[in-house]
């Protein structure tokens, strides 16, 4: 998708709006500069004095002036055909390049494609049931033809289904008619066309399609990026394992840690949720109108339909749920979305901590030529990647929380509220994916500022009050906590004053010598080792799900 652009004082410029049937282009009497609609290195254009531009927007049948577009609430809405500029969701516009990998799975196209797969696989299953003599076993050539309908399914096929839906006003019935049309001239399948969608309710097809959509989107897109985030944070933990850092509890100086150990905590927390996600079973039902195989058993009473349904669902790589109404109750979806929310919550915690470390100067951010941090303050290098991530995680969690609360609730044997809601699953996953990639981008810009870390440690000798009073307890010094509280709380403590305090303690010489050697930089306990061994901890968690 490309467009040409030229801005000048010429009055002959025209702008053509991109729709599904147009290319988006600007033209004038000057040679236009060609550029991608979403160039990776920014938008390039030519500007010619006196900085004026006249343009007209052209649709299929008419040219609309800019003034008409400006008052679009009173004008022709045809100029706002769906494009990256008119999409209501930024996922389909501004952020498309960062989330488009989800489109084959979580879009309307994806839903249609997986419905087609389920319908075809069901007919193939029927051909393998001996009692269904009306659908004899298919030849290898017929199996190959039906498989080709799946393998070669493309955008043109999906658009054909949508055109049929305009007539039927029923999306699943449109799939059935589409397949009948595709197979009406086939010598074998044409004889059994009425066994497409045999004994099925729409939700038999839909629930399996939705489960397959989620399975593929998670396995092929979300999980790999989640794993990439975990690996990136593990690498931070190991790289920064030895770098001492002042802790802060309640925002106040506390016992030192290492920067790497604090990163390791997030890697382990995220890996636990990642493991939990991979263990959630994706369920499917195939029991007819209300889950009892009513029509099946009237047509073929001698067949064990619950067993056939279980085999069919499992053949798709899903777990069979025998106890259902017209719909699969969506409890597994609620569990899946809750687990994703918790992963996102942990990553939000990470984003905020990194934001804070940048704010106090523990991290610098690598700059990129040409980037702007503020429209008015030239010096700014803002932590925008972590802020973008946090914002999108919040948006994702809002949608996923609604889905997990709403989907398990359906009146009696079924109402239609789940149908419209299920179409929004891609939004929550899309904002999650966008957030993960923003976090990864931000991590790639981080550079440790050792000077600032050292500065805070050197000004926080009071944190050694904890180990000193602990050693005093061991050797029976009276009221150790109270003595250190009186000496340090609310007071300025220096290296000299702290060592003078230790010199005056009645302790064994070796214990006193060890305390005198202690500094805020060295009082880090097992933090370094915990950070260095983070890979083993994460791998142990993730391998337990296999």
Protein backbone atom coordinates (compact mmCIF):
# COMPACT_ATOMS: atom_id res chain seq x y z
CA UNK A 1 0.00 0.00 0.00
CA UNK A 2 1.69 3.19 -1.17
CA UNK A 3 0.74 6.78 -1.77
CA UNK A 4 2.38 9.74 -3.37
CA UNK A 5 2.43 13.19 -1.81
CA UNK A 6 3.31 16.66 -2.96
CA UNK A 7 2.46 19.91 -1.19
CA UNK A 8 2.63 23.15 -3.15
CA UNK A 9 0.69 26.25 -4.05
CA UNK A 10 -0.78 24.55 -7.08
CA UNK A 11 -4.56 24.39 -7.23
CA UNK A 12 -4.61 21.09 -9.08
CA UNK A 13 -3.75 18.76 -6.19
CA UNK A 14 -6.16 15.94 -5.43
CA UNK A 15 -6.32 13.40 -2.64
CA UNK A 16 -7.85 9.97 -3.08
CA UNK A 17 -9.11 8.23 0.06
CA UNK A 18 -7.98 4.65 0.57
CA UNK A 19 -10.78 2.14 0.82
CA UNK A 20 -10.87 -1.55 0.12
CA UNK A 21 -11.24 -0.61 -3.53
CA UNK A 22 -8.82 2.28 -3.87
CA UNK A 23 -5.19 3.08 -3.54
CA UNK A 24 -4.45 6.09 -1.38
CA UNK A 25 -2.67 8.76 -3.38
CA UNK A 26 -2.01 12.45 -3.64
CA UNK A 27 -1.46 13.87 -7.09
CA UNK A 28 -0.66 17.26 -8.55
CA UNK A 29 0.98 18.79 -11.57
CA UNK A 30 4.29 18.17 -9.76
CA UNK A 31 5.92 14.76 -9.63
CA UNK A 32 4.80 13.27 -6.30
CA UNK A 33 7.19 11.81 -3.80
CA UNK A 34 6.38 8.16 -3.26
CA UNK A 35 6.43 6.82 0.28
CA UNK A 36 4.95 3.92 2.23
CA UNK A 37 1.77 4.60 4.16
CA UNK A 38 3.53 3.56 7.36
CA UNK A 39 7.25 4.13 6.71
CA UNK A 40 9.52 2.70 9.36
CA UNK A 41 11.75 5.78 9.45
CA UNK A 42 9.14 8.49 9.56
CA UNK A 43 6.98 10.38 7.09
CA UNK A 44 8.83 12.28 4.37
CA UNK A 45 7.29 15.06 2.33
CA UNK A 46 8.21 18.07 0.28
CA UNK A 47 7.08 21.52 1.31
CA UNK A 48 7.14 24.41 -1.14
CA UNK A 49 6.57 28.04 -0.21
CA UNK A 50 4.27 29.85 0.34
CA UNK A 51 3.20 26.92 2.51
CA UNK A 52 -0.24 26.49 1.04
CA UNK A 53 -2.05 23.46 -0.23
CA UNK A 54 -5.32 22.91 -1.98
CA UNK A 55 -6.77 19.43 -2.21
CA UNK A 56 -9.90 17.56 -3.10
CA UNK A 57 -10.93 14.19 -1.80
CA UNK A 58 -12.06 11.77 -4.45
CA UNK A 59 -14.27 8.75 -3.83
CA UNK A 60 -15.70 6.28 -6.32
CA UNK A 61 -18.26 8.66 -7.77
CA UNK A 62 -17.51 12.16 -6.65
CA UNK A 63 -14.91 14.68 -5.64
CA UNK A 64 -15.41 16.31 -2.25
CA UNK A 65 -13.79 19.59 -1.29
CA UNK A 66 -11.87 20.03 1.96
CA UNK A 67 -14.56 22.33 3.28
CA UNK A 68 -17.09 19.56 2.91
CA UNK A 69 -14.86 17.16 4.79
CA UNK A 70 -14.33 19.71 7.55
CA UNK A 71 -18.05 19.70 8.20
CA UNK A 72 -18.29 15.95 7.84
CA UNK A 73 -21.11 15.67 10.35
CA UNK A 74 -23.26 17.42 7.77
CA UNK A 75 -21.54 16.02 4.68
CA UNK A 76 -20.78 12.78 2.92
CA UNK A 77 -19.53 10.04 5.24
CA UNK A 78 -18.26 8.03 2.28
CA UNK A 79 -14.95 9.88 2.58
CA UNK A 80 -14.44 8.06 5.87
CA UNK A 81 -14.31 4.55 4.48
CA UNK A 82 -12.20 2.37 6.77
CA UNK A 83 -8.49 3.08 6.55
CA UNK A 84 -5.62 3.56 8.95
CA UNK A 85 -6.71 7.20 9.31
CA UNK A 86 -10.38 6.51 9.98
CA UNK A 87 -10.17 3.34 12.14
CA UNK A 88 -11.88 3.85 15.50
CA UNK A 89 -9.36 1.64 17.28
CA UNK A 90 -5.71 2.74 17.25
CA UNK A 91 -4.83 -0.96 16.99
CA UNK A 92 -6.14 -0.84 13.42
CA UNK A 93 -4.51 2.49 12.67
CA UNK A 94 -1.59 4.02 14.52
CA UNK A 95 -0.35 0.76 16.04
CA UNK A 96 -1.23 -1.65 13.22
CA UNK A 97 2.34 -2.61 12.37
CA UNK A 98 2.97 -3.67 15.97
CA UNK A 99 -0.06 -5.93 16.31
CA UNK A 100 -0.86 -7.13 12.78
CA UNK A 101 0.44 -10.64 13.53
CA UNK A 102 -2.80 -11.20 15.45
CA UNK A 103 -4.98 -10.40 12.43
CA UNK A 104 -4.96 -13.89 10.84
CA UNK A 105 -6.35 -15.28 14.10
CA UNK A 106 -8.38 -12.67 16.00
CA UNK A 107 -10.03 -10.78 13.13
CA UNK A 108 -13.33 -11.32 11.35
CA UNK A 109 -11.29 -13.05 8.67
CA UNK A 110 -9.83 -15.38 11.29
CA UNK A 111 -13.26 -16.23 12.70
CA UNK A 112 -14.59 -17.03 9.23
CA UNK A 113 -11.57 -19.18 8.39
CA UNK A 114 -11.81 -21.24 11.57
CA UNK A 115 -15.53 -21.72 11.06
CA UNK A 116 -14.76 -23.08 7.61
CA UNK A 117 -12.19 -25.45 9.11
CA UNK A 118 -14.69 -26.81 11.67
CA UNK A 119 -17.44 -27.32 9.07
CA UNK A 120 -15.11 -29.17 6.69
CA UNK A 121 -13.58 -31.31 9.43
CA UNK A 122 -17.05 -32.27 10.66
CA UNK A 123 -18.11 -33.50 7.21
CA UNK A 124 -14.87 -35.49 6.99
CA UNK A 125 -15.65 -36.96 10.43
CA UNK A 126 -19.13 -38.00 9.33
CA UNK A 127 -17.63 -39.85 6.38
CA UNK A 128 -15.68 -42.03 8.84
CA UNK A 129 -18.74 -43.12 10.87
CA UNK A 130 -19.92 -46.49 9.44
CA UNK A 131 -23.52 -46.01 10.56
CA UNK A 132 -23.84 -42.81 8.52
CA UNK A 133 -24.16 -44.71 5.27
CA UNK A 134 -25.45 -41.62 3.47
CA UNK A 135 -21.93 -40.18 3.70
CA UNK A 136 -19.65 -42.94 2.41
CA UNK A 137 -15.93 -42.82 2.99
CA UNK A 138 -14.24 -40.22 0.79
CA UNK A 139 -11.44 -41.04 -1.58
CA UNK A 140 -7.96 -39.66 -1.02
CA UNK A 141 -8.56 -37.19 -3.84
CA UNK A 142 -11.67 -35.88 -2.08
CA UNK A 143 -9.85 -35.58 1.22
CA UNK A 144 -7.13 -33.62 -0.57
CA UNK A 145 -9.71 -31.36 -2.18
CA UNK A 146 -11.36 -30.61 1.15
CA UNK A 147 -8.01 -29.98 2.75
CA UNK A 148 -7.17 -27.59 -0.08
CA UNK A 149 -10.27 -25.57 0.78
CA UNK A 150 -8.66 -25.05 4.19
CA UNK A 151 -5.06 -24.57 3.08
CA UNK A 152 -5.90 -22.19 0.23
CA UNK A 153 -8.57 -20.20 2.04
CA UNK A 154 -7.84 -16.52 1.53
CA UNK A 155 -9.22 -13.02 1.72
CA UNK A 156 -11.29 -13.42 -1.44
CA UNK A 157 -13.04 -16.43 0.12
CA UNK A 158 -13.77 -14.51 3.31
CA UNK A 159 -15.23 -11.63 1.29
CA UNK A 160 -17.41 -14.12 -0.58
CA UNK A 161 -18.74 -15.39 2.75
CA UNK A 162 -19.51 -11.82 3.80
CA UNK A 163 -21.42 -11.23 0.58
CA UNK A 164 -23.51 -14.31 1.26
CA UNK A 165 -24.12 -13.06 4.80
CA UNK A 166 -25.60 -9.86 3.37
CA UNK A 167 -28.41 -12.07 2.03
CA UNK A 168 -28.76 -14.57 4.88
CA UNK A 169 -28.21 -12.07 7.69
CA UNK A 170 -26.66 -15.05 9.50
CA UNK A 171 -22.90 -15.44 9.65
CA UNK A 172 -22.69 -19.19 10.28
CA UNK A 173 -25.33 -20.09 7.71
CA UNK A 174 -23.27 -18.09 5.23
CA UNK A 175 -20.37 -20.51 5.85
CA UNK A 176 -22.58 -23.49 5.04
CA UNK A 177 -23.80 -21.91 1.79
CA UNK A 178 -20.25 -20.92 0.85
CA UNK A 179 -19.04 -24.51 1.22
CA UNK A 180 -22.00 -25.92 -0.66
CA UNK A 181 -21.21 -23.57 -3.51
CA UNK A 182 -17.52 -24.56 -3.48
CA UNK A 183 -18.37 -28.26 -3.55
CA UNK A 184 -21.48 -28.43 -5.74
CA UNK A 185 -19.51 -29.54 -8.78
CA UNK A 186 -17.35 -32.07 -6.97
CA UNK A 187 -18.42 -35.61 -7.93
CA UNK A 188 -18.37 -37.02 -4.38
CA UNK A 189 -19.10 -34.08 -2.13
CA UNK A 190 -21.99 -32.82 -4.28
CA UNK A 191 -23.95 -35.92 -3.27
CA UNK A 192 -23.71 -35.11 0.45
CA UNK A 193 -23.99 -31.32 0.52
CA UNK A 194 -26.80 -31.43 3.07
CA UNK A 195 -24.44 -33.04 5.56
CA UNK A 196 -22.52 -29.81 5.86
CA UNK A 197 -23.56 -28.45 9.29
CA UNK A 198 -25.34 -31.74 10.06
CA UNK A 199 -27.15 -31.63 13.44
CA UNK A 200 -25.16 -28.55 14.37
CA UNK A 201 -26.23 -25.39 16.06
CA UNK A 202 -24.25 -22.28 15.22
CA UNK A 203 -22.52 -22.43 18.59
CA UNK A 204 -21.14 -25.89 17.82
CA UNK A 205 -19.19 -24.20 15.05
CA UNK A 206 -18.51 -20.92 16.83
CA UNK A 207 -17.22 -22.25 20.14
CA UNK A 208 -14.68 -24.46 18.39
CA UNK A 209 -13.67 -21.63 16.05
CA UNK A 210 -13.13 -19.27 18.99
CA UNK A 211 -11.07 -21.86 20.85
CA UNK A 212 -8.91 -22.45 17.78
CA UNK A 213 -8.48 -18.71 17.28
CA UNK A 214 -7.24 -18.32 20.85
CA UNK A 215 -5.02 -21.39 20.64
CA UNK A 216 -3.25 -20.19 17.50
CA UNK A 217 -3.01 -16.55 18.60
CA UNK A 218 -1.50 -17.53 21.92
CA UNK A 219 0.90 -20.16 20.62
CA UNK A 220 2.09 -18.28 17.55
CA UNK A 221 2.01 -14.64 18.71
CA UNK A 222 1.37 -13.88 22.39
CA UNK A 223 3.37 -16.63 24.09
CA UNK A 224 6.55 -16.05 22.04
CA UNK A 225 6.50 -12.33 22.87
CA UNK A 226 5.75 -13.03 26.55
CA UNK A 227 8.76 -15.37 26.55
CA UNK A 228 10.85 -12.66 24.90
CA UNK A 229 9.93 -10.23 27.69
CA UNK A 230 10.87 -12.80 30.34
CA UNK A 231 14.20 -13.52 28.61
CA UNK A 232 14.99 -9.81 28.32
CA UNK A 233 14.39 -9.30 32.04
CA UNK A 234 16.44 -12.42 32.86
CA UNK A 235 19.30 -10.93 30.86
CA UNK A 236 18.98 -7.70 32.83
CA UNK A 237 19.10 -9.70 36.07
CA UNK A 238 22.33 -11.46 35.09
CA UNK A 239 23.98 -8.37 33.63
CA UNK A 240 23.20 -6.27 36.70
CA UNK A 241 23.63 -9.09 39.26
CA UNK A 242 26.67 -7.49 40.90
CA UNK A 243 25.52 -3.84 40.89
CA UNK A 244 24.56 -2.72 44.43
CA UNK A 245 21.47 -0.55 44.76
CA UNK A 246 19.77 1.18 47.66
CA UNK A 247 16.39 -0.39 48.34
CA UNK A 248 13.38 1.71 49.20
CA UNK A 249 10.47 0.56 51.30
CA UNK A 250 7.67 3.08 51.76
CA UNK A 251 9.87 5.27 49.54
CA UNK A 252 12.54 5.48 52.24
CA UNK A 253 16.11 4.07 52.26
CA UNK A 254 16.20 0.39 53.21
CA UNK A 255 18.64 -2.53 53.23
CA UNK A 256 20.60 -2.58 49.95
CA UNK A 257 20.01 -5.08 47.18
CA UNK A 258 21.40 -5.41 43.69
CA UNK A 259 19.80 -4.06 40.57
CA UNK A 260 19.96 -7.53 39.02
CA UNK A 261 18.17 -9.23 41.89
CA UNK A 262 15.26 -6.80 41.60
CA UNK A 263 15.00 -7.67 37.89
CA UNK A 264 15.13 -11.39 38.71
CA UNK A 265 12.04 -11.03 40.87
CA UNK A 266 10.01 -9.85 37.89
CA UNK A 267 11.35 -12.58 35.62
CA UNK A 268 10.29 -15.27 38.08
CA UNK A 269 6.89 -13.70 38.74
CA UNK A 270 6.14 -13.38 35.03
CA UNK A 271 7.27 -16.93 34.31
CA UNK A 272 4.83 -18.28 36.92
CA UNK A 273 1.93 -16.59 35.15
CA UNK A 274 3.24 -17.68 31.76
CA UNK A 275 3.32 -21.26 33.04
CA UNK A 276 -0.20 -20.91 34.43
CA UNK A 277 -1.44 -19.69 31.06
CA UNK A 278 0.03 -22.66 29.23
CA UNK A 279 -1.76 -25.08 31.56
CA UNK A 280 -5.26 -23.76 30.95
CA UNK A 281 -7.23 -26.23 28.86
CA UNK A 282 -9.10 -24.79 25.90
CA UNK A 283 -12.52 -26.44 25.89
CA UNK A 284 -15.00 -27.26 23.16
CA UNK A 285 -18.55 -28.59 22.90
CA UNK A 286 -20.37 -30.24 20.03
CA UNK A 287 -23.71 -31.34 21.47
CA UNK A 288 -26.26 -29.60 19.29
CA UNK A 289 -28.93 -27.05 20.11
CA UNK A 290 -28.95 -27.46 23.91
CA UNK A 291 -26.11 -29.90 24.49
CA UNK A 292 -28.19 -33.11 24.54
CA UNK A 293 -27.64 -34.41 20.95
CA UNK A 294 -31.41 -34.26 20.47
CA UNK A 295 -31.42 -34.10 16.66
CA UNK A 296 -28.48 -36.49 16.33
CA UNK A 297 -30.24 -39.24 18.27
CA UNK A 298 -33.45 -38.93 16.31
CA UNK A 299 -31.62 -39.18 12.99
CA UNK A 300 -29.18 -41.96 14.03
CA UNK A 301 -30.27 -43.44 17.40
CA UNK A 302 -27.78 -46.29 17.16
CA UNK A 303 -24.72 -44.00 17.20
CA UNK A 304 -22.91 -43.03 20.42
CA UNK A 305 -22.98 -39.31 19.66
CA UNK A 306 -21.33 -38.10 22.88
CA UNK A 307 -18.35 -40.33 22.04
CA UNK A 308 -18.26 -39.04 18.45
CA UNK A 309 -18.41 -35.44 19.69
CA UNK A 310 -15.56 -36.05 22.12
CA UNK A 311 -13.40 -37.60 19.40
CA UNK A 312 -14.15 -34.71 17.06
CA UNK A 313 -13.31 -31.98 19.56
CA UNK A 314 -10.11 -33.74 20.57
CA UNK A 315 -9.12 -34.16 16.90
CA UNK A 316 -8.95 -30.36 16.73
CA UNK A 317 -6.48 -30.24 19.61
CA UNK A 318 -9.06 -29.09 22.17
CA UNK A 319 -10.42 -30.56 25.40
CA UNK A 320 -13.98 -31.87 25.28
CA UNK A 321 -16.62 -30.44 27.62
CA UNK A 322 -19.65 -32.78 27.78
CA UNK A 323 -21.75 -30.68 30.18
CA UNK A 324 -23.02 -27.69 28.27
CA UNK A 325 -26.14 -25.84 27.16
CA UNK A 326 -26.32 -24.41 23.66
CA UNK A 327 -22.98 -22.77 24.38
CA UNK A 328 -19.72 -23.84 25.91
CA UNK A 329 -19.92 -21.89 29.20
CA UNK A 330 -16.67 -19.94 28.58
CA UNK A 331 -15.27 -20.65 32.03
CA UNK A 332 -11.92 -21.55 30.50
CA UNK A 333 -11.88 -18.20 28.71
CA UNK A 334 -12.42 -16.44 32.02
CA UNK A 335 -9.47 -18.34 33.50
CA UNK A 336 -7.34 -17.55 30.46
CA UNK A 337 -8.13 -13.84 30.56
CA UNK A 338 -7.66 -13.65 34.34
CA UNK A 339 -4.20 -15.20 33.98
CA UNK A 340 -3.36 -12.75 31.20
CA UNK A 341 -4.52 -9.90 33.43
CA UNK A 342 -2.19 -11.07 36.20
CA UNK A 343 0.75 -11.31 33.78
CA UNK A 344 -0.09 -7.78 32.69
CA UNK A 345 -0.36 -6.58 36.30
CA UNK A 346 3.13 -7.87 37.03
CA UNK A 347 4.48 -6.20 33.91
CA UNK A 348 2.78 -2.96 34.96
CA UNK A 349 4.65 -3.23 38.26
CA UNK A 350 7.89 -3.68 36.29
CA UNK A 351 7.12 -0.71 34.04
CA UNK A 352 6.48 1.53 37.03
CA UNK A 353 9.64 0.43 38.83
CA UNK A 354 11.78 1.07 35.76
CA UNK A 355 10.04 4.43 35.31
CA UNK A 356 10.99 5.26 38.90
CA UNK A 357 14.60 4.14 38.47
CA UNK A 358 14.86 6.34 35.37
CA UNK A 359 13.32 9.22 37.33
CA UNK A 360 15.95 9.04 40.09
CA UNK A 361 18.73 8.61 37.56
CA UNK A 362 19.63 4.94 38.10
CA UNK A 363 19.06 4.35 34.39
CA UNK A 364 19.90 6.60 31.48
CA UNK A 365 18.06 6.16 28.18
CA UNK A 366 19.91 5.94 24.91
CA UNK A 367 18.79 8.69 22.56
CA UNK A 368 18.00 8.39 18.88
CA UNK A 369 18.83 11.09 16.36
CA UNK A 370 15.77 13.04 15.30
CA UNK A 371 13.53 12.02 18.19
CA UNK A 372 11.78 14.68 20.27
CA UNK A 373 11.02 14.30 23.98
CA UNK A 374 8.91 17.43 24.48
CA UNK A 375 7.35 19.94 22.14
CA UNK A 376 8.63 22.78 24.32
CA UNK A 377 11.46 21.42 26.52
CA UNK A 378 14.33 20.36 24.25
CA UNK A 379 16.28 18.55 26.98
CA UNK A 380 13.61 15.93 27.72
CA UNK A 381 14.26 12.19 27.27
CA UNK A 382 11.03 10.73 28.52
CA UNK A 383 10.43 7.06 29.49
CA UNK A 384 7.68 6.86 26.89
CA UNK A 385 8.04 3.15 26.11
CA UNK A 386 7.29 2.15 29.69
CA UNK A 387 4.48 4.70 29.88
CA UNK A 388 2.98 3.40 26.63
CA UNK A 389 3.28 -0.13 27.94
CA UNK A 390 1.57 0.75 31.22
CA UNK A 391 -1.25 2.53 29.44
CA UNK A 392 -1.89 -0.34 27.04
CA UNK A 393 -1.72 -2.91 29.82
CA UNK A 394 -4.43 -0.98 31.62
CA UNK A 395 -6.57 -0.85 28.48
CA UNK A 396 -6.02 -4.55 27.85
CA UNK A 397 -6.92 -5.49 31.41
CA UNK A 398 -10.12 -3.44 31.33
CA UNK A 399 -11.35 -5.36 28.29
CA UNK A 400 -10.12 -8.76 29.47
CA UNK A 401 -11.66 -8.20 32.90
CA UNK A 402 -15.02 -7.45 31.32
CA UNK A 403 -14.77 -10.57 29.17
CA UNK A 404 -13.86 -12.79 32.11
CA UNK A 405 -16.76 -11.43 34.17
CA UNK A 406 -19.38 -11.41 31.44
CA UNK A 407 -18.74 -14.52 29.35
CA UNK A 408 -19.52 -17.16 32.02
CA UNK A 409 -23.00 -15.64 32.48
CA UNK A 410 -25.77 -16.58 30.03
CA UNK A 411 -29.53 -16.72 30.62
CA UNK A 412 -30.98 -20.22 30.80
CA UNK A 413 -29.75 -22.36 27.91
CA UNK A 414 -28.30 -19.37 26.07
CA UNK A 415 -28.69 -15.69 25.29
CA UNK A 416 -26.89 -13.78 22.57
CA UNK A 417 -24.87 -11.40 24.73
CA UNK A 418 -21.76 -13.55 24.44
CA UNK A 419 -21.79 -13.42 20.65
CA UNK A 420 -21.14 -9.71 20.28
CA UNK A 421 -18.73 -9.69 23.22
CA UNK A 422 -16.58 -12.53 21.86
CA UNK A 423 -15.82 -10.41 18.80
CA UNK A 424 -13.77 -8.09 21.03
CA UNK A 425 -11.27 -10.70 22.26
CA UNK A 426 -8.67 -9.42 19.83
CA UNK A 427 -8.76 -5.98 21.43
CA UNK A 428 -7.52 -7.15 24.84
CA UNK A 429 -4.88 -9.38 23.28
CA UNK A 430 -3.87 -6.62 20.87
CA UNK A 431 -3.29 -4.04 23.57
CA UNK A 432 -1.38 -6.66 25.56
CA UNK A 433 0.87 -7.42 22.59
CA UNK A 434 1.43 -3.71 21.99
CA UNK A 435 2.42 -3.27 25.65
CA UNK A 436 4.87 -6.19 25.60
CA UNK A 437 6.61 -4.75 22.57
CA UNK A 438 6.77 -1.29 24.14
CA UNK A 439 8.41 -2.75 27.23
CA UNK A 440 10.94 -4.59 25.08
CA UNK A 441 11.69 -1.41 23.18
CA UNK A 442 12.21 0.47 26.42
CA UNK A 443 14.52 -2.20 27.84
CA UNK A 444 16.66 -1.89 24.74
CA UNK A 445 17.30 1.79 25.51
CA UNK A 446 18.39 1.39 29.14
CA UNK A 447 21.90 2.13 30.32
CA UNK A 448 22.92 1.82 33.99
CA UNK A 449 24.11 5.02 35.65
CA UNK A 450 26.60 3.62 38.16
CA UNK A 451 27.48 7.07 39.48
CA UNK A 452 23.94 7.77 40.72
CA UNK A 453 23.62 4.32 42.28
CA UNK A 454 26.88 4.81 44.17
CA UNK A 455 25.87 8.29 45.24
CA UNK A 456 22.71 7.11 46.98
CA UNK A 457 24.52 4.27 48.73
CA UNK A 458 27.29 6.56 49.94
CA UNK A 459 24.72 8.86 51.52
CA UNK A 460 22.78 6.07 53.26
CA UNK A 461 25.01 4.64 55.98
CA UNK A 462 22.00 4.45 58.27
CA UNK A 463 20.94 1.25 56.48
CA UNK A 464 23.71 -0.57 58.39
CA UNK A 465 21.71 -0.16 61.58
CA UNK A 466 19.95 -3.42 60.74
CA UNK A 467 23.01 -5.73 60.59
CA UNK A 468 24.66 -4.01 63.58
CA UNK A 469 21.66 -4.45 65.87
CA UNK A 470 21.28 -8.04 64.65
CA UNK A 471 24.89 -8.88 65.60
CA UNK A 472 24.40 -7.09 68.94
CA UNK A 473 21.42 -9.38 69.60
CA UNK A 474 23.57 -12.44 68.92
CA UNK A 475 26.16 -11.46 71.46
CA UNK A 476 23.74 -10.39 74.18
CA UNK A 477 24.19 -6.62 74.04
CA UNK A 478 21.20 -5.11 75.90
CA UNK A 479 18.50 -3.22 73.95
CA UNK A 480 20.27 -3.34 70.56
CA UNK A 481 17.27 -2.18 68.54
CA UNK A 482 16.57 0.72 70.87
CA UNK A 483 20.20 1.85 70.85
CA UNK A 484 20.34 1.91 67.03
CA UNK A 485 16.95 3.60 66.83
CA UNK A 486 18.15 6.41 69.08
CA UNK A 487 21.39 6.72 67.09
CA UNK A 488 19.94 6.72 63.55
CA UNK A 489 16.24 7.56 63.36
CA UNK A 490 15.73 10.95 61.77
CA UNK A 491 19.41 11.78 62.02
CA UNK A 492 22.23 12.20 59.54
CA UNK A 493 24.53 9.17 59.69
CA UNK A 494 27.96 9.11 58.06
CA UNK A 495 30.60 6.46 57.58
CA UNK A 496 32.65 8.02 60.37
CA UNK A 497 29.81 8.23 62.89
CA UNK A 498 28.65 4.70 62.17
CA UNK A 499 32.13 3.21 62.58
CA UNK A 500 32.63 5.19 65.75
CA UNK A 501 29.42 3.67 67.11
CA UNK A 502 30.64 0.16 66.26
CA UNK A 503 34.04 0.79 67.91
CA UNK A 504 32.26 1.51 71.17
CA UNK A 505 30.33 -1.78 71.23
CA UNK A 506 31.29 -4.64 73.55
CA UNK A 507 31.56 -7.33 70.88
CA UNK A 508 34.08 -10.08 70.09
CA UNK A 509 36.94 -8.64 68.06
CA UNK A 510 36.17 -10.71 64.95
CA UNK A 511 32.51 -9.67 64.95
CA UNK A 512 33.46 -6.03 65.42
CA UNK A 513 36.04 -6.23 62.61
CA UNK A 514 33.44 -7.66 60.24
CA UNK A 515 31.01 -4.86 61.05
CA UNK A 516 33.70 -2.24 60.50
CA UNK A 517 34.40 -3.66 57.03
CA UNK A 518 30.70 -3.55 56.13
CA UNK A 519 29.51 -0.76 53.79
CA UNK A 520 26.19 -0.01 52.08
CA UNK A 521 27.79 -1.39 48.88
CA UNK A 522 28.69 -4.73 50.43
CA UNK A 523 25.61 -5.23 52.62
CA UNK A 524 23.66 -7.05 49.89
CA UNK A 525 23.24 -10.54 51.35
CA UNK A 526 22.59 -13.24 48.69
CA UNK A 527 21.28 -10.78 46.11
CA UNK A 528 24.08 -11.35 43.60
CA UNK A 529 23.70 -15.12 43.63
CA UNK A 530 19.91 -14.90 43.37
CA UNK A 531 20.25 -12.75 40.26
CA UNK A 532 22.90 -14.95 38.65
CA UNK A 533 20.78 -18.09 39.02
CA UNK A 534 17.57 -16.60 37.66
CA UNK A 535 17.65 -18.73 34.50
CA UNK A 536 17.52 -21.92 36.53
CA UNK A 537 14.57 -20.62 38.56
CA UNK A 538 12.64 -19.54 35.47
CA UNK A 539 13.38 -22.74 33.56
CA UNK A 540 12.27 -24.86 36.51
CA UNK A 541 8.92 -23.07 36.55
CA UNK A 542 8.34 -23.24 32.81
CA UNK A 543 9.46 -26.86 32.48
CA UNK A 544 6.95 -27.91 35.13
CA UNK A 545 4.17 -27.13 32.64
CA UNK A 546 5.49 -29.63 30.08
